[in-house]
Every structure is written in structure tokens, then in C-alpha cells.
Amino acid sequence: MGAKAGAVPDMQERIQNFVDEGYPSRHFADQDFLEKELWAYIRQNLFAHDRLFNFCNVHEIPGEFYPNYQIAFSEGVTSFNATTDYEDGSLARWTLYSSASPLVNPDYSLNVVPEFKVCSYVTEVKNGAVSAFLPKRYGNAIKAKLARINIEQI
């Protein structure tokens, strides 16, 4: 899903309210946020490409289409579990850096670009380790030595 910057009013306030209220699943927090805070607004003016479900007055997909790739498909996830010497219960920040673009090549191979910061999260150290889920493409990039995770104690 995409939107033009500023198209959704009070976005920062919406995000802060959602975070302040708490959410049941960290894994699906983004989807819960979309459902609770944005969907009623978005569906009023939606331009969708959906070749499978004919959802919300769909439009043809422009350009060349790759039939084994679905728009917004779940590419899968991988995880990491990094052992640290940090005390259990302490906080650590992990940051993912990558030279693999989020946009893959048409054959799904990694598209190499200058290294950039993908994301950064604070988490609790459990059993002497920091762990999290990542999109599979970044797991593949780590294996190919095109991405890395930096962990620092807070």
C-alpha cells in the first residue's frame, strides 16, 4: 500500500495514539494499525491493482507483469538470534543495514545498491540474545554478505 505524503491527515497523531493504546501483536502491529486507524479513510479513495480477487474496483497492472509474483505478496520471513553478553531484561537496539535494495530484479535476484539503513528497533535481551524477524530478502542479503545487523546496548 502506498499513499502520497500528507494524504492521510494527522498521521503522526494516529501513530502515536495507536502506540500509546498498546497493541496485541508486535508481529502484526502494522496490519492492526492499518485496520484500526486507516482503512475507513483509505477505502474512500482507493486505486488498487489486484489480479486475484477483483477487490475495490481494480485497475490493470501497468507495464510488464510477472505471473509468479503477486503485488503485496508475503515473501516470507526469516529471523536472527544474536548472542550477546548483555544482561537479560536489559534493552538493546538492533539496526539493519543493507546493500540489497528492497526492489529485487525481475528474476528475483538481489539488486545491489550503496549501503543504507533499513530499520532500527529497541528490544529486550532474552536468554542472553537479541532476536527478531526480518523479511526474507534481508536474510538472503545477510547470507550473501550484502547486509549486516549492528547491536548496541542501551
Foldseek 3Di string as FASTA:
>chain_A
DDDDPPPDPPPVVLVVVLVVVDDDDPVCSVVVSCVPPNVVPALVPDAAAFPDPCPNVYDHDDDDDDVVDGVVDQQDKDKDKAAAPDDFFFKKKKWKKFQFDPDADPVRHTDGHPIDTDDMDMDTQDPRIDMDMDRVVSVVRVVVVGMDMDMDTD
